[in-house]
Amino acid sequence: MMPDLGKYAGSVLSAYGASIVFLIAIVVLSVVQSRRAKAALKDVEDRRND
């Protein structure tokens, strides 16, 4: 199923690999930031209600 990439196979496959790594990193960082923001918002709301 993989096309013949010839002499560019290494470059193409490493570019795919790097792209996948960067996409995973962006998703992980987004989830971490979201959790931090939710925790900070909950903390502010708890202090406001006390």
PDB file of N, CA and C in Angstrom:
ATOM      1  N   MET A   1       0.813  -1.202   0.000  1.00  0.00           N
ATOM      2  CA  MET A   1       0.000   0.000   0.000  1.00  0.00           C
ATOM      3  C   MET A   1       0.855   1.264   0.000  1.00  0.00           C
ATOM      4  N   MET A   2       2.123   1.149   0.351  1.00  0.00           N
ATOM      5  CA  MET A   2       2.974   2.331   0.393  1.00  0.00           C
ATOM      6  C   MET A   2       3.565   2.594  -0.990  1.00  0.00           C
ATOM      7  N   PRO A   3       3.484   3.836  -1.460  1.00  0.00           N
ATOM      8  CA  PRO A   3       4.038   4.138  -2.775  1.00  0.00           C
ATOM      9  C   PRO A   3       5.571   4.084  -2.747  1.00  0.00           C
ATOM     10  N   ASP A   4       6.149   3.868  -3.907  1.00  0.00           N
ATOM     11  CA  ASP A   4       7.603   3.851  -4.031  1.00  0.00           C
ATOM     12  C   ASP A   4       8.115   5.282  -3.973  1.00  0.00           C
ATOM     13  N   LEU A   5       8.876   5.609  -2.941  1.00  0.00           N
ATOM     14  CA  LEU A   5       9.370   6.971  -2.753  1.00  0.00           C
ATOM     15  C   LEU A   5      10.782   7.158  -3.304  1.00  0.00           C
ATOM     16  N   GLY A   6      11.381   6.084  -3.715  1.00  0.00           N
ATOM     17  CA  GLY A   6      12.711   6.178  -4.307  1.00  0.00           C
ATOM     18  C   GLY A   6      13.738   6.723  -3.345  1.00  0.00           C
ATOM     19  N   LYS A   7      14.585   7.602  -3.855  1.00  0.00           N
ATOM     20  CA  LYS A   7      15.673   8.130  -3.032  1.00  0.00           C
ATOM     21  C   LYS A   7      15.198   9.133  -1.986  1.00  0.00           C
ATOM     22  N   TYR A   8      13.933   9.533  -2.049  1.00  0.00           N
ATOM     23  CA  TYR A   8      13.403  10.491  -1.086  1.00  0.00           C
ATOM     24  C   TYR A   8      12.686   9.826   0.081  1.00  0.00           C
ATOM     25  N   ALA A   9      12.721   8.523   0.156  1.00  0.00           N
ATOM     26  CA  ALA A   9      11.992   7.785   1.191  1.00  0.00           C
ATOM     27  C   ALA A   9      12.391   8.235   2.594  1.00  0.00           C
ATOM     28  N   GLY A  10      13.671   8.367   2.836  1.00  0.00           N
ATOM     29  CA  GLY A  10      14.125   8.786   4.170  1.00  0.00           C
ATOM     30  C   GLY A  10      13.610  10.157   4.553  1.00  0.00           C
ATOM     31  N   SER A  11      13.681  11.093   3.626  1.00  0.00           N
ATOM     32  CA  SER A  11      13.222  12.451   3.902  1.00  0.00           C
ATOM     33  C   SER A  11      11.715  12.501   4.130  1.00  0.00           C
ATOM     34  N   VAL A  12      10.977  11.819   3.286  1.00  0.00           N
ATOM     35  CA  VAL A  12       9.519  11.837   3.384  1.00  0.00           C
ATOM     36  C   VAL A  12       9.062  11.169   4.678  1.00  0.00           C
ATOM     37  N   LEU A  13       9.619   9.995   4.980  1.00  0.00           N
ATOM     38  CA  LEU A  13       9.205   9.279   6.179  1.00  0.00           C
ATOM     39  C   LEU A  13       9.607  10.028   7.450  1.00  0.00           C
ATOM     40  N   SER A  14      10.768  10.663   7.448  1.00  0.00           N
ATOM     41  CA  SER A  14      11.162  11.435   8.633  1.00  0.00           C
ATOM     42  C   SER A  14      10.279  12.674   8.786  1.00  0.00           C
ATOM     43  N   ALA A  15       9.852  13.264   7.685  1.00  0.00           N
ATOM     44  CA  ALA A  15       8.934  14.404   7.769  1.00  0.00           C
ATOM     45  C   ALA A  15       7.588  13.959   8.332  1.00  0.00           C
ATOM     46  N   TYR A  16       7.097  12.795   7.877  1.00  0.00           N
ATOM     47  CA  TYR A  16       5.857  12.255   8.448  1.00  0.00           C
ATOM     48  C   TYR A  16       6.023  11.997   9.942  1.00  0.00           C
ATOM     49  N   GLY A  17       7.116  11.400  10.313  1.00  0.00           N
ATOM     50  CA  GLY A  17       7.369  11.104  11.727  1.00  0.00           C
ATOM     51  C   GLY A  17       7.427  12.362  12.571  1.00  0.00           C
ATOM     52  N   ALA A  18       8.149  13.373  12.082  1.00  0.00           N
ATOM     53  CA  ALA A  18       8.246  14.631  12.819  1.00  0.00           C
ATOM     54  C   ALA A  18       6.881  15.290  12.947  1.00  0.00           C
ATOM     55  N   SER A  19       6.085  15.244  11.894  1.00  0.00           N
ATOM     56  CA  SER A  19       4.742  15.834  11.942  1.00  0.00           C
ATOM     57  C   SER A  19       3.870  15.146  12.974  1.00  0.00           C
ATOM     58  N   ILE A  20       3.947  13.830  13.018  1.00  0.00           N
ATOM     59  CA  ILE A  20       3.151  13.084  14.001  1.00  0.00           C
ATOM     60  C   ILE A  20       3.586  13.426  15.418  1.00  0.00           C
ATOM     61  N   VAL A  21       4.893  13.518  15.637  1.00  0.00           N
ATOM     62  CA  VAL A  21       5.404  13.874  16.964  1.00  0.00           C
ATOM     63  C   VAL A  21       4.931  15.269  17.362  1.00  0.00           C
ATOM     64  N   PHE A  22       5.000  16.231  16.455  1.00  0.00           N
ATOM     65  CA  PHE A  22       4.561  17.591  16.766  1.00  0.00           C
ATOM     66  C   PHE A  22       3.066  17.649  17.037  1.00  0.00           C
ATOM     67  N   LEU A  23       2.275  16.912  16.280  1.00  0.00           N
ATOM     68  CA  LEU A  23       0.829  16.900  16.516  1.00  0.00           C
ATOM     69  C   LEU A  23       0.495  16.304  17.877  1.00  0.00           C
ATOM     70  N   ILE A  24       1.165  15.226  18.240  1.00  0.00           N
ATOM     71  CA  ILE A  24       0.941  14.625  19.557  1.00  0.00           C
ATOM     72  C   ILE A  24       1.347  15.597  20.661  1.00  0.00           C
ATOM     73  N   ALA A  25       2.465  16.290  20.477  1.00  0.00           N
ATOM     74  CA  ALA A  25       2.918  17.263  21.475  1.00  0.00           C
ATOM     75  C   ALA A  25       1.914  18.397  21.629  1.00  0.00           C
ATOM     76  N   ILE A  26       1.356  18.874  20.533  1.00  0.00           N
ATOM     77  CA  ILE A  26       0.368  19.953  20.598  1.00  0.00           C
ATOM     78  C   ILE A  26      -0.877  19.493  21.351  1.00  0.00           C
ATOM     79  N   VAL A  27      -1.330  18.285  21.090  1.00  0.00           N
ATOM     80  CA  VAL A  27      -2.509  17.756  21.782  1.00  0.00           C
ATOM     81  C   VAL A  27      -2.231  17.613  23.276  1.00  0.00           C
ATOM     82  N   VAL A  28      -1.084  17.069  23.624  1.00  0.00           N
ATOM     83  CA  VAL A  28      -0.739  16.893  25.042  1.00  0.00           C
ATOM     84  C   VAL A  28      -0.643  18.241  25.741  1.00  0.00           C
ATOM     85  N   LEU A  29       0.017  19.204  25.130  1.00  0.00           N
ATOM     86  CA  LEU A  29       0.131  20.532  25.740  1.00  0.00           C
ATOM     87  C   LEU A  29      -1.229  21.194  25.891  1.00  0.00           C
ATOM     88  N   SER A  30      -2.108  21.013  24.928  1.00  0.00           N
ATOM     89  CA  SER A  30      -3.449  21.584  25.008  1.00  0.00           C
ATOM     90  C   SER A  30      -4.236  20.980  26.170  1.00  0.00           C
ATOM     91  N   VAL A  31      -4.125  19.667  26.336  1.00  0.00           N
ATOM     92  CA  VAL A  31      -4.826  19.009  27.441  1.00  0.00           C
ATOM     93  C   VAL A  31      -4.281  19.488  28.782  1.00  0.00           C
ATOM     94  N   VAL A  32      -2.971  19.602  28.902  1.00  0.00           N
ATOM     95  CA  VAL A  32      -2.354  20.065  30.144  1.00  0.00           C
ATOM     96  C   VAL A  32      -2.798  21.493  30.455  1.00  0.00           C
ATOM     97  N   GLN A  33      -2.769  22.364  29.469  1.00  0.00           N
ATOM     98  CA  GLN A  33      -3.189  23.751  29.687  1.00  0.00           C
ATOM     99  C   GLN A  33      -4.663  23.834  30.048  1.00  0.00           C
ATOM    100  N   SER A  34      -5.480  22.994  29.425  1.00  0.00           N
ATOM    101  CA  SER A  34      -6.902  22.982  29.731  1.00  0.00           C
ATOM    102  C   SER A  34      -7.137  22.576  31.182  1.00  0.00           C
ATOM    103  N   ARG A  35      -6.441  21.549  31.636  1.00  0.00           N
ATOM    104  CA  ARG A  35      -6.591  21.111  33.026  1.00  0.00           C
ATOM    105  C   ARG A  35      -6.129  22.187  33.995  1.00  0.00           C
ATOM    106  N   ARG A  36      -5.034  22.861  33.671  1.00  0.00           N
ATOM    107  CA  ARG A  36      -4.552  23.949  34.539  1.00  0.00           C
ATOM    108  C   ARG A  36      -5.553  25.093  34.595  1.00  0.00           C
ATOM    109  N   ALA A  37      -6.112  25.445  33.454  1.00  0.00           N
ATOM    110  CA  ALA A  37      -7.085  26.535  33.410  1.00  0.00           C
ATOM    111  C   ALA A  37      -8.343  26.176  34.193  1.00  0.00           C
ATOM    112  N   LYS A  38      -8.812  24.934  34.050  1.00  0.00           N
ATOM    113  CA  LYS A  38      -9.996  24.498  34.798  1.00  0.00           C
ATOM    114  C   LYS A  38      -9.725  24.527  36.293  1.00  0.00           C
ATOM    115  N   ALA A  39      -8.546  24.088  36.706  1.00  0.00           N
ATOM    116  CA  ALA A  39      -8.199  24.089  38.122  1.00  0.00           C
ATOM    117  C   ALA A  39      -8.111  25.518  38.658  1.00  0.00           C
ATOM    118  N   ALA A  40      -7.528  26.415  37.878  1.00  0.00           N
ATOM    119  CA  ALA A  40      -7.419  27.812  38.298  1.00  0.00           C
ATOM    120  C   ALA A  40      -8.800  28.456  38.394  1.00  0.00           C
ATOM    121  N   LEU A  41      -9.651  28.174  37.428  1.00  0.00           N
ATOM    122  CA  LEU A  41     -11.008  28.726  37.451  1.00  0.00           C
ATOM    123  C   LEU A  41     -11.788  28.186  38.637  1.00  0.00           C
ATOM    124  N   LYS A  42     -11.654  26.897  38.923  1.00  0.00           N
ATOM    125  CA  LYS A  42     -12.343  26.312  40.072  1.00  0.00           C
ATOM    126  C   LYS A  42     -11.850  26.949  41.357  1.00  0.00           C
ATOM    127  N   ASP A  43     -10.539  27.186  41.458  1.00  0.00           N
ATOM    128  CA  ASP A  43      -9.967  27.823  42.641  1.00  0.00           C
ATOM    129  C   ASP A  43     -10.538  29.226  42.831  1.00  0.00           C
ATOM    130  N   VAL A  44     -10.623  29.980  41.755  1.00  0.00           N
ATOM    131  CA  VAL A  44     -11.168  31.346  41.843  1.00  0.00           C
ATOM    132  C   VAL A  44     -12.638  31.304  42.240  1.00  0.00           C
ATOM    133  N   GLU A  45     -13.396  30.382  41.651  1.00  0.00           N
ATOM    134  CA  GLU A  45     -14.816  30.280  41.971  1.00  0.00           C
ATOM    135  C   GLU A  45     -15.015  29.841  43.428  1.00  0.00           C
ATOM    136  N   ASP A  46     -14.173  28.927  43.905  1.00  0.00           N
ATOM    137  CA  ASP A  46     -14.280  28.490  45.298  1.00  0.00           C
ATOM    138  C   ASP A  46     -13.978  29.636  46.258  1.00  0.00           C
ATOM    139  N   ARG A  47     -12.959  30.431  45.962  1.00  0.00           N
ATOM    140  CA  ARG A  47     -12.633  31.573  46.816  1.00  0.00           C
ATOM    141  C   ARG A  47     -13.733  32.618  46.778  1.00  0.00           C
ATOM    142  N   ARG A  48     -14.377  32.770  45.638  1.00  0.00           N
ATOM    143  CA  ARG A  48     -15.442  33.765  45.519  1.00  0.00           C
ATOM    144  C   ARG A  48     -16.671  33.350  46.314  1.00  0.00           C
ATOM    145  N   ASN A  49     -16.947  32.036  46.358  1.00  0.00           N
ATOM    146  CA  ASN A  49     -18.130  31.545  47.047  1.00  0.00           C
ATOM    147  C   ASN A  49     -17.937  31.446  48.547  1.00  0.00           C
ATOM    148  N   ASP A  50     -16.697  31.488  49.033  1.00  0.00           N
ATOM    149  CA  ASP A  50     -16.445  31.389  50.484  1.00  0.00           C
ATOM    150  C   ASP A  50     -16.662  32.674  51.193  1.00  0.00           C
TER     151      ASP A  50
END
